[in-house]
Amino acid sequence: MADSYLAPAFDLPVAEPLVPPVAEPAAPSDWILERRADGAVLVRVPSLFRGAETAPEAVFSFRLGDPQYAYWESELLRRSGK
């Protein structure tokens, strides 16, 4: 048997989201790849526009020994034509 004191909570209106819906995310081909002086590969993912404010971009770094380093290293070399 359900508790009767919980029923009113389920009758509340659904709140509007605090931020507008997200636009289409940037495709991986639009991500920015860079090499740092220490040899790490940086992957910069542009932020999505969310109304009046924009979140900061996401930045990932991969170093030799990281499981995904070989992939991003080869992607950086492919994009730079080397």
Protein backbone atom coordinates (compact mmCIF):
# COMPACT_ATOMS: atom_id res chain seq x y z
CA MET A 1 0.00 0.00 0.00
CA ALA A 2 1.39 3.40 -1.01
CA ASP A 3 1.85 6.09 1.59
CA SER A 4 -0.84 8.75 1.14
CA TYR A 5 1.45 11.57 2.28
CA LEU A 6 3.64 11.08 -0.84
CA ALA A 7 0.81 11.53 -3.37
CA PRO A 8 0.82 15.38 -3.40
CA ALA A 9 4.52 15.42 -4.33
CA PHE A 10 3.77 13.63 -7.58
CA ASP A 11 1.11 16.16 -8.56
CA LEU A 12 3.53 19.11 -8.71
CA PRO A 13 4.09 20.80 -12.10
CA VAL A 14 7.33 20.03 -13.89
CA ALA A 15 9.80 22.90 -13.64
CA GLU A 16 11.27 24.48 -16.75
CA PRO A 17 14.96 23.74 -17.32
CA LEU A 18 17.37 26.38 -16.01
CA VAL A 19 19.30 26.49 -19.26
CA PRO A 20 18.03 26.38 -22.83
CA PRO A 21 18.44 23.16 -24.77
CA VAL A 22 21.97 22.44 -25.93
CA ALA A 23 22.83 23.17 -29.54
CA GLU A 24 24.47 20.55 -31.70
CA PRO A 25 27.79 19.52 -30.11
CA ALA A 26 31.01 20.12 -32.00
CA ALA A 27 32.02 17.17 -34.16
CA PRO A 28 35.34 15.52 -33.27
CA SER A 29 36.75 16.93 -36.52
CA ASP A 30 36.17 20.42 -35.04
CA TRP A 31 38.11 19.66 -31.88
CA ILE A 32 41.47 21.45 -31.63
CA LEU A 33 44.59 19.31 -31.24
CA GLU A 34 47.88 20.73 -30.00
CA ARG A 35 51.23 19.44 -28.77
CA ARG A 36 52.67 20.88 -25.58
CA ALA A 37 56.38 21.44 -25.07
CA ASP A 38 56.55 18.36 -22.82
CA GLY A 39 55.19 16.16 -25.66
CA ALA A 40 51.65 15.78 -24.32
CA VAL A 41 48.80 16.01 -26.82
CA LEU A 42 46.05 18.46 -25.87
CA VAL A 43 42.51 17.98 -27.14
CA ARG A 44 40.33 21.09 -26.84
CA VAL A 45 36.59 20.58 -27.17
CA PRO A 46 34.73 23.86 -27.80
CA SER A 47 31.97 24.68 -25.33
CA LEU A 48 28.34 24.79 -26.30
CA PHE A 49 26.47 28.07 -26.30
CA ARG A 50 23.91 28.09 -23.50
CA GLY A 51 22.00 31.36 -23.63
CA ALA A 52 23.78 34.42 -22.26
CA GLU A 53 26.68 32.44 -20.81
CA THR A 54 29.06 29.98 -22.37
CA ALA A 55 30.75 27.23 -20.40
CA PRO A 56 34.53 26.98 -20.69
CA GLU A 57 35.96 24.62 -23.26
CA ALA A 58 36.96 21.15 -22.11
CA VAL A 59 40.67 20.38 -22.33
CA PHE A 60 42.07 16.86 -22.15
CA SER A 61 45.75 15.99 -22.13
CA PHE A 62 47.28 12.67 -23.10
CA ARG A 63 50.85 11.66 -22.35
CA LEU A 64 52.97 8.74 -23.46
CA GLY A 65 51.70 5.78 -21.47
CA ASP A 66 48.07 6.96 -21.38
CA PRO A 67 45.72 4.40 -22.99
CA GLN A 68 44.44 6.93 -25.57
CA TYR A 69 47.78 8.63 -26.29
CA ALA A 70 48.54 6.63 -29.44
CA TYR A 71 45.15 7.47 -30.95
CA TRP A 72 45.43 11.23 -30.32
CA GLU A 73 49.10 11.28 -31.38
CA SER A 74 48.19 9.70 -34.71
CA GLU A 75 45.20 12.03 -35.12
CA LEU A 76 47.42 15.07 -34.46
CA LEU A 77 49.98 13.86 -37.01
CA ARG A 78 47.24 13.10 -39.56
CA ARG A 79 45.71 16.56 -39.20
CA SER A 80 49.05 18.33 -39.42
CA GLY A 81 49.97 16.33 -42.53
CA LYS A 82 53.09 14.74 -41.03
